[in-house]
């Protein structure tokens, strides 16, 4: 992601969103560890599952291309999954990888495995700053109160990971609307 201002004004630095966010949401949104692991732990006896929604080459959205520093017409590897507990989606994750950054990575073989489970095993993984939005609707059709994104780097590999927290998660965990 660029080091300058957010590529879209609806994506704000994490600290800027703090005053509008409840403490319960802050624990989820501000965490820098593996969301996959946190969801599996929060579910207790519920079965955690990654459900593949879409995976293809395509053009990133304008805000994604700007965040990655890609020309607007450039194609990237796009992947969307639902992170579910007992088949109920709690988070929809959208990942965007510039094609020149794949360097032989066969991410299309992940199937219904978590990208995060691979990322967080990389010893030299770097995670950029978190950006958040309280208005996820322009970026995804999933309905929920918050979304966050950050850029992960592993050597020359880079991926923009966006996580859209869904109303079902808020309801199941009895989280406030904000």
Protein backbone atom coordinates (compact mmCIF):
# COMPACT_ATOMS: atom_id res chain seq x y z
CA UNK A 1 0.00 0.00 0.00
CA UNK A 2 1.19 3.49 -0.56
CA UNK A 3 2.82 5.33 2.32
CA UNK A 4 0.82 8.48 1.59
CA UNK A 5 -2.84 9.12 2.29
CA UNK A 6 -5.34 6.32 1.88
CA UNK A 7 -6.16 5.54 -1.75
CA UNK A 8 -9.85 6.17 -1.04
CA UNK A 9 -11.01 8.56 1.70
CA UNK A 10 -13.42 5.94 3.05
CA UNK A 11 -10.40 3.81 4.04
CA UNK A 12 -8.84 5.51 7.06
CA UNK A 13 -5.86 4.72 9.27
CA UNK A 14 -6.83 2.50 12.18
CA UNK A 15 -6.21 5.19 14.79
CA UNK A 16 -8.64 7.57 13.06
CA UNK A 17 -11.46 5.05 13.49
CA UNK A 18 -10.81 4.39 17.19
CA UNK A 19 -13.22 7.04 18.58
CA UNK A 20 -16.14 5.58 16.61
CA UNK A 21 -15.40 1.94 17.49
CA UNK A 22 -16.55 0.02 20.57
CA UNK A 23 -13.94 -1.75 22.68
CA UNK A 24 -15.36 -5.11 21.60
CA UNK A 25 -14.91 -4.29 17.90
CA UNK A 26 -11.48 -2.75 18.55
CA UNK A 27 -10.23 -6.13 19.80
CA UNK A 28 -11.16 -7.67 16.43
CA UNK A 29 -10.27 -4.84 14.07
CA UNK A 30 -6.97 -3.76 15.64
CA UNK A 31 -5.51 -7.26 16.05
CA UNK A 32 -2.49 -7.94 13.86
CA UNK A 33 -2.36 -11.69 14.37
CA UNK A 34 -4.13 -14.31 12.24
CA UNK A 35 -7.83 -13.60 11.91
CA UNK A 36 -8.34 -17.24 10.90
CA UNK A 37 -6.92 -18.39 14.25
CA UNK A 38 -8.92 -15.83 16.20
CA UNK A 39 -12.17 -16.84 14.51
CA UNK A 40 -11.54 -20.55 15.09
CA UNK A 41 -10.86 -19.84 18.79
CA UNK A 42 -13.89 -17.57 19.19
CA UNK A 43 -16.14 -20.24 17.71
CA UNK A 44 -15.39 -22.69 20.52
CA UNK A 45 -17.13 -25.94 19.58
CA UNK A 46 -18.36 -24.54 16.26
CA UNK A 47 -16.61 -25.92 13.19
CA UNK A 48 -14.46 -23.36 11.35
CA UNK A 49 -14.45 -23.52 7.57
CA UNK A 50 -13.13 -21.49 4.64
CA UNK A 51 -15.63 -21.43 1.77
CA UNK A 52 -14.19 -20.39 -1.59
CA UNK A 53 -16.48 -17.83 -3.25
CA UNK A 54 -14.40 -16.71 -6.22
CA UNK A 55 -10.86 -17.07 -7.53
CA UNK A 56 -9.70 -15.70 -10.87
CA UNK A 57 -7.55 -13.31 -12.81
CA UNK A 58 -9.24 -9.96 -13.14
CA UNK A 59 -8.95 -6.24 -12.73
CA UNK A 60 -8.78 -4.98 -9.17
CA UNK A 61 -11.14 -2.22 -8.09
CA UNK A 62 -9.75 1.29 -8.42
CA UNK A 63 -9.07 1.63 -4.68
CA UNK A 64 -7.26 -1.75 -4.66
CA UNK A 65 -5.06 -0.86 -7.63
CA UNK A 66 -4.15 2.46 -6.03
CA UNK A 67 -3.37 0.78 -2.69
CA UNK A 68 -1.05 -1.68 -4.47
CA UNK A 69 0.49 0.95 -6.75
CA UNK A 70 -0.78 -0.88 -9.85
CA UNK A 71 -1.80 0.75 -13.12
CA UNK A 72 -5.61 0.79 -13.26
CA UNK A 73 -5.86 -1.54 -16.27
CA UNK A 74 -3.45 -4.17 -14.88
CA UNK A 75 -4.82 -7.60 -14.03
CA UNK A 76 -4.22 -9.32 -10.69
CA UNK A 77 -5.06 -12.57 -8.97
CA UNK A 78 -8.33 -12.07 -7.07
CA UNK A 79 -9.67 -14.40 -4.39
CA UNK A 80 -12.73 -14.17 -2.17
CA UNK A 81 -13.59 -16.51 0.66
CA UNK A 82 -16.14 -16.64 3.44
CA UNK A 83 -14.76 -17.49 6.87
CA UNK A 84 -17.54 -19.50 8.47
CA UNK A 85 -18.42 -21.00 11.82
CA UNK A 86 -20.90 -23.86 11.55
CA UNK A 87 -21.47 -22.84 7.92
CA UNK A 88 -22.50 -19.31 9.00
CA UNK A 89 -20.28 -16.65 7.37
CA UNK A 90 -18.66 -14.28 9.88
CA UNK A 91 -16.13 -12.58 7.58
CA UNK A 92 -15.68 -12.27 3.82
CA UNK A 93 -12.03 -11.85 2.85
CA UNK A 94 -10.89 -10.48 -0.50
CA UNK A 95 -7.24 -10.80 -1.51
CA UNK A 96 -5.55 -9.09 -4.45
CA UNK A 97 -2.09 -10.14 -5.67
CA UNK A 98 -0.26 -8.38 -8.51
CA UNK A 99 0.62 -11.02 -11.13
CA UNK A 100 4.29 -10.04 -11.24
CA UNK A 101 4.44 -10.72 -7.50
CA UNK A 102 3.34 -14.35 -7.67
CA UNK A 103 6.85 -15.68 -8.43
CA UNK A 104 5.71 -19.28 -8.77
CA UNK A 105 3.33 -19.19 -5.81
CA UNK A 106 0.43 -21.50 -6.68
CA UNK A 107 -2.25 -19.73 -4.68
CA UNK A 108 -4.91 -21.16 -6.97
CA UNK A 109 -4.25 -24.47 -5.21
CA UNK A 110 -5.30 -23.14 -1.81
CA UNK A 111 -8.89 -24.17 -2.51
CA UNK A 112 -10.80 -23.96 0.75
CA UNK A 113 -7.72 -23.40 2.87
CA UNK A 114 -7.00 -20.04 4.44
CA UNK A 115 -4.48 -17.74 2.78
CA UNK A 116 -3.72 -16.47 6.29
CA UNK A 117 -2.67 -19.94 7.40
CA UNK A 118 0.07 -19.79 4.74
CA UNK A 119 0.98 -16.13 5.27
CA UNK A 120 1.45 -16.33 9.03
CA UNK A 121 3.84 -19.28 8.66
CA UNK A 122 6.31 -17.15 6.69
CA UNK A 123 9.17 -16.14 9.01
CA UNK A 124 9.92 -12.86 7.21
CA UNK A 125 6.30 -11.72 6.78
CA UNK A 126 5.77 -7.97 7.02
CA UNK A 127 2.33 -6.51 7.56
CA UNK A 128 1.66 -2.91 6.61
CA UNK A 129 -0.56 -0.51 8.53
CA UNK A 130 -4.22 -1.36 8.98
CA UNK A 131 -6.84 0.78 7.28
CA UNK A 132 -10.50 0.56 8.22
CA UNK A 133 -13.86 1.70 6.95
CA UNK A 134 -17.21 1.97 8.67
CA UNK A 135 -18.79 2.14 5.20
CA UNK A 136 -17.90 -1.20 3.54
CA UNK A 137 -20.81 -1.05 1.06
CA UNK A 138 -18.89 0.66 -1.78
CA UNK A 139 -16.20 -2.01 -1.58
CA UNK A 140 -18.19 -5.21 -1.19
CA UNK A 141 -21.75 -6.51 -1.25
CA UNK A 142 -21.32 -8.20 2.14
CA UNK A 143 -23.35 -6.49 4.86
CA UNK A 144 -21.53 -5.60 8.04
CA UNK A 145 -20.41 -2.79 10.31
CA UNK A 146 -16.65 -2.72 9.64
CA UNK A 147 -13.97 -3.70 7.16
CA UNK A 148 -10.20 -3.58 7.42
CA UNK A 149 -7.33 -4.07 5.04
CA UNK A 150 -3.57 -4.22 5.01
CA UNK A 151 -0.75 -5.12 2.70
CA UNK A 152 1.33 -8.20 3.48
CA UNK A 153 4.82 -8.68 2.05
CA UNK A 154 6.88 -11.85 1.93
CA UNK A 155 10.12 -11.24 0.05
CA UNK A 156 8.94 -9.97 -3.38
CA UNK A 157 5.41 -11.31 -2.90
CA UNK A 158 2.74 -8.75 -1.92
CA UNK A 159 -0.97 -9.23 -1.24
CA UNK A 160 -3.67 -6.76 -0.25
CA UNK A 161 -5.96 -8.54 2.21
CA UNK A 162 -9.37 -7.00 2.94
CA UNK A 163 -11.67 -8.42 5.60
CA UNK A 164 -15.34 -7.53 5.75
CA UNK A 165 -16.86 -8.29 9.16
CA UNK A 166 -20.45 -9.45 8.70
CA UNK A 167 -23.66 -8.80 10.61
CA UNK A 168 -23.85 -12.54 11.43
CA UNK A 169 -20.61 -12.33 13.40
CA UNK A 170 -21.83 -9.27 15.29
CA UNK A 171 -25.08 -11.04 16.10
CA UNK A 172 -23.49 -14.36 17.15
CA UNK A 173 -20.91 -12.64 19.38
CA UNK A 174 -23.42 -10.02 20.57
CA UNK A 175 -21.13 -7.23 19.43
CA UNK A 176 -22.52 -3.67 19.30
CA UNK A 177 -23.34 -2.25 15.87
CA UNK A 178 -20.20 -0.08 16.05
